[in-house]
Structures are given as C-alpha cells and as structure tokens.
Amino acid sequence: MSTAELKETANRLSVEERAWMRRYLALLDRISDPKFIAEITQRNRAMAAGDILPRDEVLAIHEKLISEGR
C-alpha cells in the first residue's frame, strides 16, 4: 500500500479508529525498539524471581497513567 493510499484510508477513519491506530503504531514502535525489549526482558526476569509490586503501588501507577492519557 502506498503512502497516498494510507493517507486516504486514514482520512476515512472515525475518531475512535484513529485513536486506536495511534496506540497501535506506538506499540509497533516500542516492540521494534531493542532498548524496550531489553527492559521488558529484565522486568520479566525480576518478576519471575519474585520481585513484584504491592497491589496499592500498581493501582497508583495505573491511576497516574490514566491521568496522563496513557
């Protein structure tokens, strides 16, 4: 698909579909980033070793991300 075709398709998307597409493209960028993959791998290893966050801390982080629109 050409850039012109992508633009044409994007122009037809609803607000909700464009919001979804932004999040999807951001995800693609993140999972293509070797630094991000290394960080996630390290976090997974830490969690498997028992290094976990208390529920209250997870909820506080979640609320902060929501307030930031992420």
PDB file of N, CA and C in Angstrom:
ATOM      1  N   MET A   1       0.852  -1.167   0.000  1.00  0.00           N
ATOM      2  CA  MET A   1       0.000   0.000   0.000  1.00  0.00           C
ATOM      3  C   MET A   1       0.903   1.236   0.000  1.00  0.00           C
ATOM      4  N   SER A   2       0.577   2.182  -0.820  1.00  0.00           N
ATOM      5  CA  SER A   2       1.381   3.399  -0.934  1.00  0.00           C
ATOM      6  C   SER A   2       1.041   4.385   0.191  1.00  0.00           C
ATOM      7  N   THR A   3       1.898   5.384   0.341  1.00  0.00           N
ATOM      8  CA  THR A   3       1.654   6.427   1.327  1.00  0.00           C
ATOM      9  C   THR A   3       0.347   7.156   1.020  1.00  0.00           C
ATOM     10  N   ALA A   4       0.101   7.411  -0.250  1.00  0.00           N
ATOM     11  CA  ALA A   4      -1.139   8.092  -0.643  1.00  0.00           C
ATOM     12  C   ALA A   4      -2.352   7.250  -0.250  1.00  0.00           C
ATOM     13  N   GLU A   5      -2.268   5.943  -0.432  1.00  0.00           N
ATOM     14  CA  GLU A   5      -3.379   5.066  -0.057  1.00  0.00           C
ATOM     15  C   GLU A   5      -3.564   5.037   1.457  1.00  0.00           C
ATOM     16  N   LEU A   6      -2.456   5.044   2.194  1.00  0.00           N
ATOM     17  CA  LEU A   6      -2.542   5.078   3.652  1.00  0.00           C
ATOM     18  C   LEU A   6      -3.210   6.366   4.123  1.00  0.00           C
ATOM     19  N   LYS A   7      -2.820   7.496   3.518  1.00  0.00           N
ATOM     20  CA  LYS A   7      -3.427   8.774   3.882  1.00  0.00           C
ATOM     21  C   LYS A   7      -4.919   8.775   3.575  1.00  0.00           C
ATOM     22  N   GLU A   8      -5.282   8.246   2.424  1.00  0.00           N
ATOM     23  CA  GLU A   8      -6.686   8.192   2.016  1.00  0.00           C
ATOM     24  C   GLU A   8      -7.493   7.342   3.004  1.00  0.00           C
ATOM     25  N   THR A   9      -6.922   6.211   3.395  1.00  0.00           N
ATOM     26  CA  THR A   9      -7.592   5.340   4.362  1.00  0.00           C
ATOM     27  C   THR A   9      -7.711   6.036   5.712  1.00  0.00           C
ATOM     28  N   ALA A  10      -6.643   6.685   6.156  1.00  0.00           N
ATOM     29  CA  ALA A  10      -6.657   7.391   7.437  1.00  0.00           C
ATOM     30  C   ALA A  10      -7.718   8.489   7.446  1.00  0.00           C
ATOM     31  N   ASN A  11      -7.891   9.155   6.347  1.00  0.00           N
ATOM     32  CA  ASN A  11      -8.893  10.225   6.253  1.00  0.00           C
ATOM     33  C   ASN A  11     -10.312   9.704   6.444  1.00  0.00           C
ATOM     34  N   ARG A  12     -10.536   8.431   6.185  1.00  0.00           N
ATOM     35  CA  ARG A  12     -11.874   7.849   6.316  1.00  0.00           C
ATOM     36  C   ARG A  12     -12.127   7.265   7.714  1.00  0.00           C
ATOM     37  N   LEU A  13     -11.110   7.227   8.551  1.00  0.00           N
ATOM     38  CA  LEU A  13     -11.272   6.633   9.880  1.00  0.00           C
ATOM     39  C   LEU A  13     -12.059   7.553  10.807  1.00  0.00           C
ATOM     40  N   SER A  14     -12.805   6.914  11.707  1.00  0.00           N
ATOM     41  CA  SER A  14     -13.513   7.682  12.737  1.00  0.00           C
ATOM     42  C   SER A  14     -12.513   8.139  13.793  1.00  0.00           C
ATOM     43  N   VAL A  15     -12.950   9.001  14.680  1.00  0.00           N
ATOM     44  CA  VAL A  15     -12.101   9.481  15.772  1.00  0.00           C
ATOM     45  C   VAL A  15     -11.610   8.289  16.599  1.00  0.00           C
ATOM     46  N   GLU A  16     -12.503   7.363  16.904  1.00  0.00           N
ATOM     47  CA  GLU A  16     -12.142   6.195  17.704  1.00  0.00           C
ATOM     48  C   GLU A  16     -11.129   5.319  16.967  1.00  0.00           C
ATOM     49  N   GLU A  17     -11.330   5.144  15.671  1.00  0.00           N
ATOM     50  CA  GLU A  17     -10.399   4.322  14.889  1.00  0.00           C
ATOM     51  C   GLU A  17      -9.023   4.975  14.797  1.00  0.00           C
ATOM     52  N   ARG A  18      -8.991   6.308  14.678  1.00  0.00           N
ATOM     53  CA  ARG A  18      -7.695   6.999  14.643  1.00  0.00           C
ATOM     54  C   ARG A  18      -6.978   6.886  15.990  1.00  0.00           C
ATOM     55  N   ALA A  19      -7.734   6.969  17.080  1.00  0.00           N
ATOM     56  CA  ALA A  19      -7.140   6.814  18.414  1.00  0.00           C
ATOM     57  C   ALA A  19      -6.552   5.413  18.550  1.00  0.00           C
ATOM     58  N   TRP A  20      -7.285   4.406  18.103  1.00  0.00           N
ATOM     59  CA  TRP A  20      -6.786   3.035  18.146  1.00  0.00           C
ATOM     60  C   TRP A  20      -5.519   2.906  17.303  1.00  0.00           C
ATOM     61  N   MET A  21      -5.543   3.501  16.113  1.00  0.00           N
ATOM     62  CA  MET A  21      -4.396   3.413  15.204  1.00  0.00           C
ATOM     63  C   MET A  21      -3.165   4.079  15.812  1.00  0.00           C
ATOM     64  N   ARG A  22      -3.341   5.224  16.480  1.00  0.00           N
ATOM     65  CA  ARG A  22      -2.209   5.881  17.151  1.00  0.00           C
ATOM     66  C   ARG A  22      -1.586   4.955  18.185  1.00  0.00           C
ATOM     67  N   ARG A  23      -2.448   4.327  18.994  1.00  0.00           N
ATOM     68  CA  ARG A  23      -1.928   3.412  20.024  1.00  0.00           C
ATOM     69  C   ARG A  23      -1.243   2.216  19.387  1.00  0.00           C
ATOM     70  N   TYR A  24      -1.806   1.700  18.328  1.00  0.00           N
ATOM     71  CA  TYR A  24      -1.221   0.546  17.638  1.00  0.00           C
ATOM     72  C   TYR A  24       0.137   0.892  17.038  1.00  0.00           C
ATOM     73  N   LEU A  25       0.241   2.037  16.385  1.00  0.00           N
ATOM     74  CA  LEU A  25       1.522   2.446  15.799  1.00  0.00           C
ATOM     75  C   LEU A  25       2.568   2.705  16.878  1.00  0.00           C
ATOM     76  N   ALA A  26       2.145   3.280  18.001  1.00  0.00           N
ATOM     77  CA  ALA A  26       3.076   3.488  19.120  1.00  0.00           C
ATOM     78  C   ALA A  26       3.570   2.144  19.641  1.00  0.00           C
ATOM     79  N   LEU A  27       2.670   1.161  19.723  1.00  0.00           N
ATOM     80  CA  LEU A  27       3.065  -0.177  20.151  1.00  0.00           C
ATOM     81  C   LEU A  27       4.082  -0.779  19.188  1.00  0.00           C
ATOM     82  N   LEU A  28       3.844  -0.645  17.911  1.00  0.00           N
ATOM     83  CA  LEU A  28       4.793  -1.164  16.916  1.00  0.00           C
ATOM     84  C   LEU A  28       6.171  -0.539  17.085  1.00  0.00           C
ATOM     85  N   ASP A  29       6.187   0.772  17.345  1.00  0.00           N
ATOM     86  CA  ASP A  29       7.466   1.450  17.588  1.00  0.00           C
ATOM     87  C   ASP A  29       8.167   0.870  18.808  1.00  0.00           C
ATOM     88  N   ARG A  30       7.398   0.662  19.878  1.00  0.00           N
ATOM     89  CA  ARG A  30       8.003   0.158  21.124  1.00  0.00           C
ATOM     90  C   ARG A  30       8.548  -1.248  20.947  1.00  0.00           C
ATOM     91  N   ILE A  31       7.783  -2.135  20.327  1.00  0.00           N
ATOM     92  CA  ILE A  31       8.249  -3.519  20.227  1.00  0.00           C
ATOM     93  C   ILE A  31       9.347  -3.682  19.188  1.00  0.00           C
ATOM     94  N   SER A  32       9.630  -2.632  18.446  1.00  0.00           N
ATOM     95  CA  SER A  32      10.746  -2.647  17.500  1.00  0.00           C
ATOM     96  C   SER A  32      12.002  -2.037  18.104  1.00  0.00           C
ATOM     97  N   ASP A  33      11.889  -1.535  19.332  1.00  0.00           N
ATOM     98  CA  ASP A  33      12.993  -0.845  19.990  1.00  0.00           C
ATOM     99  C   ASP A  33      13.773  -1.829  20.864  1.00  0.00           C
ATOM    100  N   PRO A  34      15.032  -2.111  20.517  1.00  0.00           N
ATOM    101  CA  PRO A  34      15.820  -3.069  21.302  1.00  0.00           C
ATOM    102  C   PRO A  34      15.950  -2.683  22.777  1.00  0.00           C
ATOM    103  N   LYS A  35      16.004  -1.385  23.082  1.00  0.00           N
ATOM    104  CA  LYS A  35      16.096  -0.948  24.475  1.00  0.00           C
ATOM    105  C   LYS A  35      14.830  -1.328  25.242  1.00  0.00           C
ATOM    106  N   PHE A  36      13.680  -1.146  24.607  1.00  0.00           N
ATOM    107  CA  PHE A  36      12.415  -1.502  25.243  1.00  0.00           C
ATOM    108  C   PHE A  36      12.349  -3.009  25.480  1.00  0.00           C
ATOM    109  N   ILE A  37      12.736  -3.788  24.485  1.00  0.00           N
ATOM    110  CA  ILE A  37      12.712  -5.250  24.617  1.00  0.00           C
ATOM    111  C   ILE A  37      13.639  -5.691  25.750  1.00  0.00           C
ATOM    112  N   ALA A  38      14.821  -5.083  25.842  1.00  0.00           N
ATOM    113  CA  ALA A  38      15.763  -5.421  26.913  1.00  0.00           C
ATOM    114  C   ALA A  38      15.166  -5.085  28.278  1.00  0.00           C
ATOM    115  N   GLU A  39      14.494  -3.937  28.382  1.00  0.00           N
ATOM    116  CA  GLU A  39      13.884  -3.536  29.641  1.00  0.00           C
ATOM    117  C   GLU A  39      12.780  -4.503  30.045  1.00  0.00           C
ATOM    118  N   ILE A  40      11.929  -4.867  29.096  1.00  0.00           N
ATOM    119  CA  ILE A  40      10.836  -5.798  29.390  1.00  0.00           C
ATOM    120  C   ILE A  40      11.393  -7.165  29.781  1.00  0.00           C
ATOM    121  N   THR A  41      12.430  -7.612  29.099  1.00  0.00           N
ATOM    122  CA  THR A  41      13.061  -8.891  29.437  1.00  0.00           C
ATOM    123  C   THR A  41      13.596  -8.860  30.865  1.00  0.00           C
ATOM    124  N   GLN A  42      14.253  -7.761  31.228  1.00  0.00           N
ATOM    125  CA  GLN A  42      14.793  -7.622  32.581  1.00  0.00           C
ATOM    126  C   GLN A  42      13.661  -7.616  33.602  1.00  0.00           C
ATOM    127  N   ARG A  43      12.591  -6.901  33.318  1.00  0.00           N
ATOM    128  CA  ARG A  43      11.457  -6.843  34.248  1.00  0.00           C
ATOM    129  C   ARG A  43      10.812  -8.225  34.417  1.00  0.00           C
ATOM    130  N   ASN A  44      10.665  -8.945  33.313  1.00  0.00           N
ATOM    131  CA  ASN A  44      10.075 -10.287  33.388  1.00  0.00           C
ATOM    132  C   ASN A  44      10.941 -11.211  34.240  1.00  0.00           C
ATOM    133  N   ARG A  45      12.244 -11.119  34.066  1.00  0.00           N
ATOM    134  CA  ARG A  45      13.150 -11.943  34.878  1.00  0.00           C
ATOM    135  C   ARG A  45      13.034 -11.578  36.354  1.00  0.00           C
ATOM    136  N   ALA A  46      12.951 -10.281  36.650  1.00  0.00           N
ATOM    137  CA  ALA A  46      12.819  -9.841  38.034  1.00  0.00           C
ATOM    138  C   ALA A  46      11.519 -10.353  38.646  1.00  0.00           C
ATOM    139  N   MET A  47      10.427 -10.274  37.899  1.00  0.00           N
ATOM    140  CA  MET A  47       9.146 -10.759  38.405  1.00  0.00           C
ATOM    141  C   MET A  47       9.191 -12.267  38.628  1.00  0.00           C
ATOM    142  N   ALA A  48       9.803 -12.996  37.696  1.00  0.00           N
ATOM    143  CA  ALA A  48       9.918 -14.449  37.848  1.00  0.00           C
ATOM    144  C   ALA A  48      10.740 -14.808  39.083  1.00  0.00           C
ATOM    145  N   ALA A  49      11.644 -13.919  39.465  1.00  0.00           N
ATOM    146  CA  ALA A  49      12.477 -14.143  40.652  1.00  0.00           C
ATOM    147  C   ALA A  49      11.779 -13.672  41.927  1.00  0.00           C
ATOM    148  N   GLY A  50      10.547 -13.161  41.803  1.00  0.00           N
ATOM    149  CA  GLY A  50       9.786 -12.762  42.973  1.00  0.00           C
ATOM    150  C   GLY A  50       9.776 -11.282  43.271  1.00  0.00           C
ATOM    151  N   ASP A  51      10.395 -10.479  42.425  1.00  0.00           N
ATOM    152  CA  ASP A  51      10.422  -9.025  42.632  1.00  0.00           C
ATOM    153  C   ASP A  51       9.136  -8.436  42.053  1.00  0.00           C
ATOM    154  N   ILE A  52       8.127  -8.280  42.901  1.00  0.00           N
ATOM    155  CA  ILE A  52       6.831  -7.789  42.436  1.00  0.00           C
ATOM    156  C   ILE A  52       6.434  -6.548  43.219  1.00  0.00           C
ATOM    157  N   LEU A  53       5.483  -5.798  42.671  1.00  0.00           N
ATOM    158  CA  LEU A  53       4.980  -4.583  43.324  1.00  0.00           C
ATOM    159  C   LEU A  53       3.730  -4.914  44.123  1.00  0.00           C
ATOM    160  N   PRO A  54       3.568  -4.265  45.259  1.00  0.00           N
ATOM    161  CA  PRO A  54       2.318  -4.439  46.014  1.00  0.00           C
ATOM    162  C   PRO A  54       1.134  -3.896  45.206  1.00  0.00           C
ATOM    163  N   ARG A  55      -0.050  -4.443  45.457  1.00  0.00           N
ATOM    164  CA  ARG A  55      -1.259  -4.062  44.729  1.00  0.00           C
ATOM    165  C   ARG A  55      -1.501  -2.559  44.771  1.00  0.00           C
ATOM    166  N   ASP A  56      -1.353  -1.941  45.941  1.00  0.00           N
ATOM    167  CA  ASP A  56      -1.592  -0.499  46.068  1.00  0.00           C
ATOM    168  C   ASP A  56      -0.670   0.309  45.165  1.00  0.00           C
ATOM    169  N   GLU A  57       0.567  -0.123  45.053  1.00  0.00           N
ATOM    170  CA  GLU A  57       1.515   0.588  44.185  1.00  0.00           C
ATOM    171  C   GLU A  57       1.151   0.435  42.719  1.00  0.00           C
ATOM    172  N   VAL A  58       0.705  -0.750  42.349  1.00  0.00           N
ATOM    173  CA  VAL A  58       0.263  -0.983  40.962  1.00  0.00           C
ATOM    174  C   VAL A  58      -0.937  -0.091  40.649  1.00  0.00           C
ATOM    175  N   LEU A  59      -1.889  -0.026  41.560  1.00  0.00           N
ATOM    176  CA  LEU A  59      -3.073   0.820  41.336  1.00  0.00           C
ATOM    177  C   LEU A  59      -2.697   2.292  41.232  1.00  0.00           C
ATOM    178  N   ALA A  60      -1.738   2.744  42.030  1.00  0.00           N
ATOM    179  CA  ALA A  60      -1.299   4.145  41.965  1.00  0.00           C
ATOM    180  C   ALA A  60      -0.648   4.437  40.616  1.00  0.00           C
ATOM    181  N   ILE A  61       0.168   3.526  40.135  1.00  0.00           N
ATOM    182  CA  ILE A  61       0.805   3.692  38.824  1.00  0.00           C
ATOM    183  C   ILE A  61      -0.258   3.729  37.731  1.00  0.00           C
ATOM    184  N   HIS A  62      -1.231   2.827  37.843  1.00  0.00           N
ATOM    185  CA  HIS A  62      -2.312   2.762  36.858  1.00  0.00           C
ATOM    186  C   HIS A  62      -3.085   4.080  36.806  1.00  0.00           C
ATOM    187  N   GLU A  63      -3.439   4.604  37.953  1.00  0.00           N
ATOM    188  CA  GLU A  63      -4.169   5.874  38.015  1.00  0.00           C
ATOM    189  C   GLU A  63      -3.346   7.018  37.415  1.00  0.00           C
ATOM    190  N   LYS A  64      -2.050   7.030  37.692  1.00  0.00           N
ATOM    191  CA  LYS A  64      -1.174   8.068  37.138  1.00  0.00           C
ATOM    192  C   LYS A  64      -1.154   7.993  35.610  1.00  0.00           C
ATOM    193  N   LEU A  65      -1.040   6.775  35.076  1.00  0.00           N
ATOM    194  CA  LEU A  65      -1.017   6.614  33.619  1.00  0.00           C
ATOM    195  C   LEU A  65      -2.337   7.071  33.001  1.00  0.00           C
ATOM    196  N   ILE A  66      -3.433   6.735  33.642  1.00  0.00           N
ATOM    197  CA  ILE A  66      -4.745   7.165  33.141  1.00  0.00           C
ATOM    198  C   ILE A  66      -4.825   8.690  33.139  1.00  0.00           C
ATOM    199  N   SER A  67      -4.365   9.321  34.210  1.00  0.00           N
ATOM    200  CA  SER A  67      -4.439  10.774  34.283  1.00  0.00           C
ATOM    201  C   SER A  67      -3.562  11.448  33.227  1.00  0.00           C
ATOM    202  N   GLU A  68      -2.525  10.739  32.786  1.00  0.00           N
ATOM    203  CA  GLU A  68      -1.655  11.247  31.727  1.00  0.00           C
ATOM    204  C   GLU A  68      -2.176  10.900  30.327  1.00  0.00           C
ATOM    205  N   GLY A  69      -3.272  10.157  30.283  1.00  0.00           N
ATOM    206  CA  GLY A  69      -3.851   9.779  28.986  1.00  0.00           C
ATOM    207  C   GLY A  69      -3.124   8.643  28.311  1.00  0.00           C
ATOM    208  N   ARG A  70      -2.458   7.827  29.100  1.00  0.00           N
ATOM    209  CA  ARG A  70      -1.746   6.680  28.511  1.00  0.00           C
ATOM    210  C   ARG A  70      -2.404   5.385  28.874  1.00  0.00           C
TER     211      ARG A  70
END
